[in-house]
Amino acid sequence: MRCPKCNYFFSEELKTCPRCGADMGSEIEKLGVFPPSAEAPFLTIEDFVETPSFIEASNQERVIDFPFSEGES
């Protein structure tokens, strides 16, 4: 969100501008209601750890079957 008073950009979760302290109530009403921020992150570092089964699957050769023969187009 951009503060109309000082043009500072900041998160929509804040109710006042962190730079000048302007009230963002009217701006938030124009934009609509935003959901509250999550208590815990949606993804964690464990979601990105490569497991042995993932590594094995990614190392296998992939064969793509096309629905038509080479002569058709």
Protein backbone atom coordinates (compact mmCIF):
# COMPACT_ATOMS: atom_id res chain seq x y z
CA MET A 1 0.00 0.00 0.00
CA ARG A 2 1.18 3.55 -0.65
CA CYS A 3 0.67 6.28 1.91
CA PRO A 4 -1.26 9.19 0.31
CA LYS A 5 0.53 11.66 2.61
CA CYS A 6 4.23 10.74 2.20
CA ASN A 7 4.11 8.19 -0.70
CA TYR A 8 5.85 5.52 1.41
CA PHE A 9 5.14 1.90 0.35
CA PHE A 10 4.38 -0.62 3.12
CA SER A 11 2.38 -3.74 3.97
CA GLU A 12 -1.41 -3.67 3.76
CA GLU A 13 -1.52 -5.30 7.20
CA LEU A 14 -0.54 -2.04 8.91
CA LYS A 15 -3.24 0.41 9.97
CA THR A 16 -0.94 3.45 10.06
CA CYS A 17 1.99 4.56 7.91
CA PRO A 18 5.29 3.55 9.55
CA ARG A 19 7.04 6.66 8.19
CA CYS A 20 4.63 9.54 8.91
CA GLY A 21 1.98 7.90 11.12
CA ALA A 22 -0.93 8.77 8.82
CA ASP A 23 -4.13 6.81 9.44
CA MET A 24 -4.78 4.33 6.61
CA GLY A 25 -8.41 3.63 7.56
CA SER A 26 -9.89 5.40 4.53
CA GLU A 27 -7.39 3.78 2.15
CA ILE A 28 -8.13 0.33 3.56
CA GLU A 29 -11.86 0.94 3.11
CA LYS A 30 -11.28 1.83 -0.56
CA LEU A 31 -9.24 -1.33 -1.15
CA GLY A 32 -11.46 -3.67 0.84
CA VAL A 33 -10.86 -5.83 3.88
CA PHE A 34 -7.65 -7.86 3.92
CA PRO A 35 -7.47 -11.16 5.79
CA PRO A 36 -5.24 -11.22 8.86
CA SER A 37 -1.73 -12.53 8.40
CA ALA A 38 -1.10 -16.21 9.13
CA GLU A 39 0.21 -17.27 12.52
CA ALA A 40 2.57 -19.84 10.98
CA PRO A 41 4.10 -19.94 7.49
CA PHE A 42 2.28 -21.99 4.86
CA LEU A 43 5.51 -23.66 3.70
CA THR A 44 8.54 -24.58 5.77
CA ILE A 45 12.10 -25.52 4.85
CA GLU A 46 11.18 -29.20 5.25
CA ASP A 47 8.83 -28.85 2.25
CA PHE A 48 11.88 -28.23 0.03
CA VAL A 49 14.14 -31.04 1.24
CA GLU A 50 14.82 -33.55 -1.52
CA THR A 51 14.06 -37.06 -0.31
CA PRO A 52 15.77 -40.15 -1.78
CA SER A 53 12.55 -41.16 -3.62
CA PHE A 54 12.35 -37.68 -5.22
CA ILE A 55 15.98 -37.83 -6.34
CA GLU A 56 15.48 -41.33 -7.77
CA ALA A 57 12.35 -40.24 -9.67
CA SER A 58 14.05 -37.14 -11.09
CA ASN A 59 17.01 -39.21 -12.34
CA GLN A 60 14.84 -41.63 -14.33
CA GLU A 61 14.54 -41.18 -18.09
CA ARG A 62 11.20 -39.75 -19.12
CA VAL A 63 9.36 -41.02 -22.19
CA ILE A 64 6.65 -38.85 -23.69
CA ASP A 65 3.96 -40.54 -25.79
CA PHE A 66 2.43 -38.32 -28.45
CA PRO A 67 -1.17 -39.00 -29.60
CA PHE A 68 -0.18 -39.05 -33.30
CA SER A 69 2.51 -40.69 -35.40
CA GLU A 70 5.45 -38.86 -36.95
CA GLY A 71 3.79 -38.81 -40.40
CA GLU A 72 0.66 -37.07 -39.15
CA SER A 73 0.49 -33.36 -38.36
